[in-house]
Amino acid sequence: MAFEIQPRQSLIVYTYSLKQTRQLKRYGTVMYVSKKMRYVVLYVDQDQVTDLVDQLQHLRFVKRVVPSDRPKIKETFNGVEKPTVATETEDDDE
């Protein structure tokens, strides 16, 4: 059984107060909460981003939701590509 990496994307959810941040756990993984600026960084599956943005914007305590632009950014710098991660272990028969 091979391990497959699930593509994820972060959403920045700005709230009116931080009392309801526990409710955001049902939508994804809460990675960071800023008490001073009142926002939550939430990681969700990339294929569910558009649906979750609509659902989160309809909540009473949410000001706005901003999806991360990281999946749209090219990850090649000066012609050097990001190294690939091996998903399967190689057997050494020697």
Protein backbone atom coordinates (compact mmCIF):
# COMPACT_ATOMS: atom_id res chain seq x y z
CA MET A 1 0.00 0.00 0.00
CA ALA A 2 1.58 3.25 -1.16
CA PHE A 3 1.19 6.51 0.71
CA GLU A 4 -0.35 9.25 -1.45
CA ILE A 5 0.08 12.90 -0.61
CA GLN A 6 -3.25 14.72 -0.48
CA PRO A 7 -3.03 18.19 -2.10
CA ARG A 8 -3.94 20.80 0.54
CA GLN A 9 -4.43 24.53 0.50
CA SER A 10 -4.61 27.11 3.26
CA LEU A 11 -7.49 29.49 3.86
CA ILE A 12 -7.12 32.63 5.95
CA VAL A 13 -10.39 33.22 7.81
CA TYR A 14 -10.83 36.69 9.32
CA THR A 15 -13.31 36.73 12.23
CA TYR A 16 -15.09 39.32 14.35
CA SER A 17 -14.10 37.50 17.55
CA LEU A 18 -12.05 34.42 18.39
CA LYS A 19 -14.72 32.76 20.55
CA GLN A 20 -15.93 30.63 17.64
CA THR A 21 -12.56 29.36 16.41
CA ARG A 22 -13.36 25.89 17.74
CA GLN A 23 -16.24 25.70 15.26
CA LEU A 24 -13.78 26.05 12.39
CA LYS A 25 -12.21 22.67 13.27
CA ARG A 26 -15.08 20.88 11.54
CA TYR A 27 -14.10 22.45 8.19
CA GLY A 28 -10.38 21.65 8.24
CA THR A 29 -7.21 21.64 10.29
CA VAL A 30 -6.59 24.81 12.30
CA MET A 31 -2.87 25.56 12.06
CA TYR A 32 -2.55 29.05 13.51
CA VAL A 33 -4.72 31.57 15.38
CA SER A 34 -3.71 35.24 15.56
CA LYS A 35 -5.23 36.82 18.66
CA LYS A 36 -4.10 40.33 17.79
CA MET A 37 -5.32 40.42 14.18
CA ARG A 38 -8.21 37.95 14.71
CA TYR A 39 -7.61 35.50 11.89
CA VAL A 40 -7.29 31.73 11.62
CA VAL A 41 -5.14 29.75 9.16
CA LEU A 42 -7.11 26.71 8.12
CA TYR A 43 -5.81 23.84 5.94
CA VAL A 44 -8.35 22.04 3.72
CA ASP A 45 -8.29 19.62 0.79
CA GLN A 46 -7.62 21.44 -2.45
CA ASP A 47 -10.63 20.00 -4.26
CA GLN A 48 -13.01 21.37 -1.59
CA VAL A 49 -11.71 24.95 -1.48
CA THR A 50 -14.49 26.64 -3.47
CA ASP A 51 -17.28 24.90 -1.54
CA LEU A 52 -15.71 25.66 1.84
CA VAL A 53 -15.11 29.32 1.00
CA ASP A 54 -18.84 29.71 0.27
CA GLN A 55 -19.80 27.87 3.47
CA LEU A 56 -17.41 29.86 5.64
CA GLN A 57 -18.51 33.23 4.24
CA HIS A 58 -22.10 32.50 5.32
CA LEU A 59 -21.11 32.05 8.98
CA ARG A 60 -22.07 35.00 11.21
CA PHE A 61 -18.69 35.38 12.89
CA VAL A 62 -16.62 35.41 9.67
CA LYS A 63 -15.64 38.74 8.09
CA ARG A 64 -13.96 37.34 4.99
CA VAL A 65 -12.11 34.30 3.67
CA VAL A 66 -8.94 34.54 1.59
CA PRO A 67 -7.59 31.41 -0.16
CA SER A 68 -3.82 31.05 -0.41
CA ASP A 69 -2.15 31.70 -3.77
CA ARG A 70 0.59 29.15 -3.21
CA PRO A 71 -0.77 26.48 -5.63
CA LYS A 72 -0.74 29.09 -8.44
CA ILE A 73 2.90 30.10 -7.92
CA LYS A 74 5.57 28.45 -10.06
CA GLU A 75 8.10 26.68 -7.90
CA THR A 76 11.01 26.90 -10.30
CA PHE A 77 13.69 29.45 -9.50
CA ASN A 78 16.46 30.21 -12.01
CA GLY A 79 15.60 27.08 -13.97
CA VAL A 80 16.06 24.77 -10.98
CA GLU A 81 13.00 22.69 -10.15
CA LYS A 82 11.87 21.54 -6.74
CA PRO A 83 13.30 18.09 -5.89
CA THR A 84 10.74 15.32 -6.00
CA VAL A 85 10.05 13.27 -2.91
CA ALA A 86 10.17 9.49 -3.30
CA THR A 87 6.79 8.04 -2.32
CA GLU A 88 7.86 4.43 -2.30
CA THR A 89 10.84 2.89 -0.58
CA GLU A 90 13.35 1.23 -2.83
CA ASP A 91 14.41 -2.31 -1.99
CA ASP A 92 18.13 -2.96 -1.82
CA ASP A 93 18.68 -6.49 -3.14
CA GLU A 94 22.46 -6.22 -3.20
